[in-house]
Protein backbone atom coordinates (compact mmCIF):
# COMPACT_ATOMS: atom_id res chain seq x y z
CA UNK A 1 13.45 45.30 -50.17
CA UNK A 2 15.57 47.82 -48.25
CA UNK A 3 13.78 50.95 -47.11
CA UNK A 4 15.35 54.31 -46.44
CA UNK A 5 15.29 55.12 -42.70
CA UNK A 6 13.14 58.22 -43.35
CA UNK A 7 10.69 56.55 -45.70
CA UNK A 8 7.11 57.14 -44.49
CA UNK A 9 5.86 54.12 -42.56
CA UNK A 10 2.49 54.43 -44.29
CA UNK A 11 4.08 52.98 -47.41
CA UNK A 12 4.56 49.72 -45.51
CA UNK A 13 0.81 49.15 -45.42
CA UNK A 14 -0.19 49.78 -49.04
CA UNK A 15 -3.76 48.60 -49.72
CA UNK A 16 -3.85 45.23 -51.39
CA UNK A 17 -0.52 44.08 -49.97
CA UNK A 18 -0.23 41.68 -47.01
CA UNK A 19 0.54 43.23 -43.60
CA UNK A 20 4.14 44.33 -43.26
CA UNK A 21 6.48 45.01 -40.36
CA UNK A 22 6.20 48.55 -39.05
CA UNK A 23 9.52 50.30 -38.36
CA UNK A 24 9.73 53.71 -36.69
CA UNK A 25 12.44 56.02 -35.40
CA UNK A 26 11.49 57.84 -32.22
CA UNK A 27 12.84 59.65 -29.15
CA UNK A 28 14.58 62.34 -31.18
CA UNK A 29 15.95 59.82 -33.69
CA UNK A 30 17.59 57.91 -30.84
CA UNK A 31 15.56 54.67 -30.91
CA UNK A 32 14.44 52.28 -33.64
CA UNK A 33 11.35 50.14 -33.07
CA UNK A 34 10.03 47.29 -35.22
CA UNK A 35 6.69 45.53 -34.83
CA UNK A 36 5.60 42.46 -36.77
CA UNK A 37 1.97 42.05 -37.92
CA UNK A 38 1.72 39.15 -35.44
CA UNK A 39 2.62 41.46 -32.53
CA UNK A 40 6.28 40.71 -31.78
CA UNK A 41 8.42 43.80 -31.25
CA UNK A 42 11.99 44.93 -30.70
CA UNK A 43 13.50 48.27 -29.64
CA UNK A 44 17.11 49.30 -30.28
CA UNK A 45 18.85 52.45 -29.09
CA UNK A 46 21.28 54.05 -31.53
CA UNK A 47 23.46 54.59 -28.46
CA UNK A 48 25.46 51.38 -28.42
CA UNK A 49 23.05 49.74 -30.91
CA UNK A 50 21.69 48.29 -27.67
CA UNK A 51 18.58 46.13 -27.84
CA UNK A 52 16.52 47.33 -24.86
CA UNK A 53 13.26 45.45 -25.44
CA UNK A 54 12.08 42.26 -27.12
CA UNK A 55 8.46 41.27 -26.68
CA UNK A 56 6.58 38.22 -27.92
CA UNK A 57 3.22 38.39 -29.67
CA UNK A 58 1.38 38.60 -26.33
CA UNK A 59 3.49 41.59 -25.26
CA UNK A 60 5.54 39.66 -22.68
CA UNK A 61 9.03 41.13 -22.26
CA UNK A 62 11.88 38.66 -22.82
CA UNK A 63 14.83 40.83 -21.80
CA UNK A 64 15.70 42.21 -18.39
CA UNK A 65 16.42 45.94 -18.19
CA UNK A 66 17.49 47.60 -14.98
CA UNK A 67 15.08 50.23 -13.68
CA UNK A 68 18.18 52.29 -12.86
CA UNK A 69 19.69 52.07 -16.32
CA UNK A 70 20.46 55.33 -18.10
CA UNK A 71 18.93 55.43 -21.59
CA UNK A 72 20.08 58.95 -22.48
CA UNK A 73 23.56 58.07 -23.72
CA UNK A 74 25.29 59.18 -20.54
CA UNK A 75 26.58 55.71 -19.65
CA UNK A 76 26.33 52.09 -20.87
CA UNK A 77 22.91 50.47 -20.63
CA UNK A 78 22.47 47.96 -17.81
CA UNK A 79 20.31 45.26 -19.38
CA UNK A 80 18.96 44.30 -22.77
CA UNK A 81 21.73 43.24 -25.15
CA UNK A 82 24.79 45.50 -24.87
CA UNK A 83 27.42 44.85 -27.54
CA UNK A 84 30.99 44.23 -26.38
CA UNK A 85 33.83 45.15 -28.80
CA UNK A 86 36.85 45.14 -29.22
CA UNK A 87 37.71 43.92 -25.71
CA UNK A 88 35.81 41.90 -23.10
CA UNK A 89 36.12 42.94 -19.48
CA UNK A 90 38.90 45.19 -18.22
CA UNK A 91 41.52 45.62 -20.98
CA UNK A 92 44.78 43.80 -20.30
CA UNK A 93 47.89 45.91 -19.68
CA UNK A 94 50.40 46.29 -22.49
CA UNK A 95 47.82 45.48 -25.14
CA UNK A 96 46.47 47.57 -28.02
CA UNK A 97 43.15 47.88 -26.13
CA UNK A 98 44.70 48.83 -22.78
CA UNK A 99 43.59 52.48 -23.00
CA UNK A 100 39.95 51.56 -23.62
CA UNK A 101 37.22 51.31 -20.97
CA UNK A 102 35.86 47.95 -19.78
CA UNK A 103 34.04 46.09 -22.58
CA UNK A 104 35.36 48.51 -25.21
CA UNK A 105 33.55 51.29 -27.03
CA UNK A 106 30.81 49.71 -29.18
CA UNK A 107 28.25 49.93 -26.36
CA UNK A 108 29.03 53.62 -25.73
CA UNK A 109 29.20 54.87 -29.33
CA UNK A 110 26.34 56.30 -31.37
CA UNK A 111 25.56 54.04 -34.31
CA UNK A 112 23.90 54.86 -37.62
CA UNK A 113 20.66 53.19 -38.63
CA UNK A 114 21.30 51.83 -42.12
CA UNK A 115 17.79 50.61 -42.90
CA UNK A 116 15.49 47.63 -42.82
CA UNK A 117 14.77 44.59 -44.95
CA UNK A 118 11.90 42.14 -44.70
CA UNK A 119 11.50 38.53 -45.77
CA UNK A 120 8.91 35.78 -45.65
CA UNK A 121 9.39 32.09 -44.99
CA UNK A 122 6.95 29.23 -45.14
CA UNK A 123 5.42 28.50 -41.76
CA UNK A 124 5.25 24.96 -40.44
CA UNK A 125 1.62 25.76 -39.68
CA UNK A 126 0.94 26.87 -43.24
CA UNK A 127 1.11 30.37 -44.66
CA UNK A 128 4.11 32.67 -44.36
CA UNK A 129 6.04 34.00 -41.39
CA UNK A 130 7.40 37.53 -41.74
CA UNK A 131 10.71 38.72 -40.35
CA UNK A 132 12.39 42.10 -40.34
CA UNK A 133 16.13 42.80 -40.24
CA UNK A 134 17.44 46.11 -38.90
CA UNK A 135 21.01 47.09 -39.82
CA UNK A 136 23.25 49.46 -37.86
CA UNK A 137 26.71 50.74 -38.72
CA UNK A 138 29.74 52.09 -36.86
CA UNK A 139 33.14 52.92 -38.30
CA UNK A 140 36.36 54.43 -37.02
CA UNK A 141 35.32 57.73 -38.62
CA UNK A 142 32.28 57.83 -36.33
CA UNK A 143 34.24 57.52 -33.09
CA UNK A 144 35.09 60.35 -30.79
CA UNK A 145 38.57 61.78 -31.06
CA UNK A 146 39.33 60.42 -27.59
CA UNK A 147 38.35 56.87 -28.59
CA UNK A 148 40.33 57.02 -31.84
CA UNK A 149 43.31 58.09 -29.78
CA UNK A 150 42.87 55.09 -27.49
CA UNK A 151 42.40 52.55 -30.31
CA UNK A 152 43.59 53.96 -33.61
CA UNK A 153 42.67 51.23 -36.09
CA UNK A 154 40.40 51.81 -39.08
CA UNK A 155 37.43 49.43 -39.07
CA UNK A 156 33.82 49.04 -40.07
CA UNK A 157 31.07 47.32 -38.06
CA UNK A 158 27.69 46.16 -39.34
CA UNK A 159 25.32 44.97 -36.62
CA UNK A 160 22.05 43.33 -37.65
CA UNK A 161 19.04 42.59 -35.44
CA UNK A 162 16.48 40.22 -36.96
CA UNK A 163 13.03 39.92 -35.42
CA UNK A 164 11.02 36.84 -36.38
CA UNK A 165 8.03 35.01 -35.00
CA UNK A 166 9.43 33.23 -31.94
CA UNK A 167 13.06 34.31 -32.31
CA UNK A 168 15.54 37.17 -32.25
CA UNK A 169 18.84 37.09 -34.10
CA UNK A 170 21.84 39.38 -33.67
CA UNK A 171 24.94 39.33 -35.87
CA UNK A 172 28.08 41.43 -36.09
CA UNK A 173 30.43 41.78 -39.06
CA UNK A 174 33.82 43.37 -38.30
CA UNK A 175 35.94 44.51 -41.25
CA UNK A 176 39.56 45.60 -40.88
CA UNK A 177 40.00 48.71 -43.04
CA UNK A 178 43.46 49.40 -41.64
CA UNK A 179 46.87 48.61 -43.09
CA UNK A 180 47.74 46.71 -39.91
CA UNK A 181 46.24 43.59 -38.36
CA UNK A 182 44.38 44.02 -35.09
CA UNK A 183 43.12 41.72 -32.35
CA UNK A 184 39.54 41.70 -31.17
CA UNK A 185 37.06 40.14 -28.81
CA UNK A 186 33.29 40.34 -29.25
CA UNK A 187 30.34 39.46 -27.02
CA UNK A 188 26.55 39.83 -27.11
CA UNK A 189 25.83 40.49 -23.44
CA UNK A 190 22.21 39.24 -23.31
CA UNK A 191 20.20 39.78 -20.12
CA UNK A 192 17.34 37.26 -20.13
CA UNK A 193 14.23 37.92 -18.05
CA UNK A 194 13.14 34.99 -15.87
CA UNK A 195 10.47 34.64 -13.20
CA UNK A 196 12.61 33.13 -10.44
CA UNK A 197 16.37 32.52 -10.64
CA UNK A 198 15.96 29.78 -8.04
CA UNK A 199 14.10 27.69 -10.62
CA UNK A 200 16.54 28.37 -13.48
CA UNK A 201 19.07 25.96 -14.95
CA UNK A 202 21.33 26.38 -17.97
CA UNK A 203 21.96 23.28 -20.09
CA UNK A 204 24.29 22.49 -22.98
CA UNK A 205 27.45 23.16 -20.98
CA UNK A 206 28.29 19.69 -19.64
CA UNK A 207 31.94 18.80 -20.17
CA UNK A 208 32.86 22.36 -21.14
CA UNK A 209 36.00 23.95 -19.79
CA UNK A 210 35.39 27.29 -18.17
CA UNK A 211 37.13 30.14 -16.41
CA UNK A 212 35.56 30.85 -13.02
CA UNK A 213 36.01 34.59 -12.53
CA UNK A 214 34.46 34.40 -9.05
CA UNK A 215 37.15 31.90 -7.99
CA UNK A 216 40.40 33.65 -8.93
CA UNK A 217 39.93 32.91 -12.66
CA UNK A 218 40.63 29.22 -12.13
CA UNK A 219 40.09 26.98 -15.14
CA UNK A 220 37.58 24.23 -14.41
CA UNK A 221 35.43 21.65 -16.19
CA UNK A 222 31.65 21.59 -15.98
CA UNK A 223 30.49 18.22 -14.68
CA UNK A 224 26.79 18.98 -14.35
CA UNK A 225 24.25 18.62 -17.11
CA UNK A 226 22.28 21.49 -15.58
CA UNK A 227 24.04 24.57 -14.22
CA UNK A 228 22.13 26.17 -11.33
CA UNK A 229 22.57 29.76 -10.17
CA UNK A 230 22.77 29.82 -6.38
CA UNK A 231 25.20 32.69 -5.78
CA UNK A 232 27.36 35.17 -7.65
CA UNK A 233 28.21 33.53 -10.98
CA UNK A 234 30.68 34.73 -13.61
CA UNK A 235 31.94 31.96 -15.86
CA UNK A 236 33.35 31.89 -19.38
CA UNK A 237 32.50 28.54 -20.97
CA UNK A 238 33.63 26.95 -24.22
CA UNK A 239 30.93 24.33 -24.93
CA UNK A 240 32.33 21.08 -26.29
CA UNK A 241 29.59 20.60 -28.90
CA UNK A 242 30.45 23.83 -30.71
CA UNK A 243 28.42 26.93 -31.56
CA UNK A 244 25.72 25.05 -33.47
CA UNK A 245 24.56 23.13 -30.41
CA UNK A 246 21.92 24.94 -28.38
CA UNK A 247 22.54 26.31 -24.91
CA UNK A 248 19.17 26.37 -23.17
CA UNK A 249 17.75 28.32 -20.27
CA UNK A 250 15.15 26.29 -18.40
CA UNK A 251 12.77 27.38 -15.68
CA UNK A 252 11.14 24.73 -13.49
CA UNK A 253 12.39 22.18 -16.02
CA UNK A 254 10.80 23.85 -19.05
CA UNK A 255 12.93 25.39 -21.80
CA UNK A 256 12.18 29.10 -22.04
CA UNK A 257 15.12 30.24 -24.22
CA UNK A 258 17.39 28.42 -26.63
CA UNK A 259 20.59 30.07 -27.88
CA UNK A 260 22.38 28.84 -31.01
CA UNK A 261 25.63 30.55 -31.98
CA UNK A 262 27.50 30.98 -35.26
CA UNK A 263 31.29 31.41 -35.11
CA UNK A 264 31.09 32.42 -31.46
CA UNK A 265 32.74 29.64 -29.48
CA UNK A 266 32.26 30.97 -25.96
CA UNK A 267 29.32 31.44 -23.60
CA UNK A 268 29.45 33.65 -20.52
CA UNK A 269 27.00 32.86 -17.70
CA UNK A 270 26.60 35.76 -15.26
CA UNK A 271 24.45 36.75 -12.32
CA UNK A 272 25.67 39.34 -9.76
CA UNK A 273 23.62 37.96 -6.86
CA UNK A 274 23.02 39.89 -3.66
CA UNK A 275 26.18 41.77 -2.72
CA UNK A 276 27.38 42.67 -6.20
CA UNK A 277 23.92 43.91 -7.17
CA UNK A 278 23.93 46.18 -4.13
CA UNK A 279 27.26 47.62 -5.21
CA UNK A 280 26.15 48.61 -8.73
CA UNK A 281 24.53 52.04 -8.76
CA UNK A 282 22.57 51.38 -11.96
CA UNK A 283 21.25 47.95 -10.91
CA UNK A 284 17.62 48.27 -9.81
CA UNK A 285 15.72 46.97 -8.08
CA UNK A 286 18.48 45.53 -5.92
CA UNK A 287 16.74 42.15 -5.83
CA UNK A 288 16.40 42.24 -9.63
CA UNK A 289 19.06 39.56 -9.89
CA UNK A 290 16.27 37.11 -9.09
CA UNK A 291 14.52 37.96 -12.36
CA UNK A 292 17.52 37.81 -14.69
CA UNK A 293 20.35 35.66 -15.95
CA UNK A 294 22.95 36.57 -18.54
CA UNK A 295 23.86 33.91 -21.10
CA UNK A 296 26.20 35.68 -23.48
CA UNK A 297 27.43 34.46 -26.87
CA UNK A 298 30.93 35.60 -27.73
CA UNK A 299 34.51 35.05 -28.71
CA UNK A 300 36.40 36.11 -25.60
CA UNK A 301 38.79 33.36 -24.48
CA UNK A 302 41.82 34.68 -26.31
CA UNK A 303 41.82 36.99 -29.32
CA UNK A 304 40.73 36.91 -32.93
CA UNK A 305 43.40 38.38 -35.22
CA UNK A 306 41.97 40.21 -38.21
CA UNK A 307 44.31 40.89 -41.11
CA UNK A 308 43.97 44.02 -43.28
CA UNK A 309 40.94 43.72 -45.56
CA UNK A 310 39.58 40.65 -43.76
CA UNK A 311 36.26 40.35 -41.96
CA UNK A 312 35.02 38.48 -38.90
CA UNK A 313 31.37 37.56 -38.44
CA UNK A 314 29.65 36.17 -35.38
CA UNK A 315 25.98 35.69 -34.63
CA UNK A 316 23.41 34.25 -32.27
CA UNK A 317 19.78 33.20 -32.67
CA UNK A 318 17.58 33.17 -29.57
CA UNK A 319 14.39 31.14 -29.76
CA UNK A 320 11.58 31.22 -27.24
CA UNK A 321 9.23 28.41 -26.34
CA UNK A 322 5.71 28.73 -27.71
């Protein structure tokens, strides 16, 4: 059942019905929060449709958010899950995106909250597990005049964030409403919170080709079964097993996050380390790189061409260990 964004939350807890997810819009209609009856929660800013918090049932935060990040819409959020579209990184010269800022405009545009839907699935432990899906929309009509001038295609984006017991899913549907084809890149720039980067390894990348952006964008092949972060890291991998095979973040040998992708062939692994963290004004604390690692699902090695009337969909599901 889809609820109107302004529907009173009290109707979600009608006597006689099982507990339902509670969804609220706060901070001057700038943030959407959902809480499951079991305690899991997620917070999404309408600015950028940026997920800024994801907590498990015990209240433990799973995403890293810079203490210096601006949450007032004045600049992109440093942390959480910023959404990259239609270009990843600095736009290439002589391309349709060349007038856009780094990582495009999705993360700096104000999205519309389209509503929520809930569903139940049978739990392996018996009973039912509840999930809630929050939908956000952005179209070319909602862009600033400056952004439309920089990238003049007509499009429609639907971004969905699904909170479930033990997992968080994000999916993006891009529809080309223009009379011309356009090229796009998309990335879900997830900042994972860890206890100690020195104990972290990323698995599921063995044999993958990757672009090493720290080493003059050289193309290399990953020979290790476990990728360790021991310095500035900025790599764009294409895992050989495909999107359906999990990429896992382990800490002290234990899996803490598992990322499964759908139609997103690439995985970016990023950590700024000491010097780069010092050079970013919105990165705080400066040693915060020790408590985070970015493992980002996307389609960024090359371009997806979307013909008029066609749609592209990509998604990720992040599971946490119990």
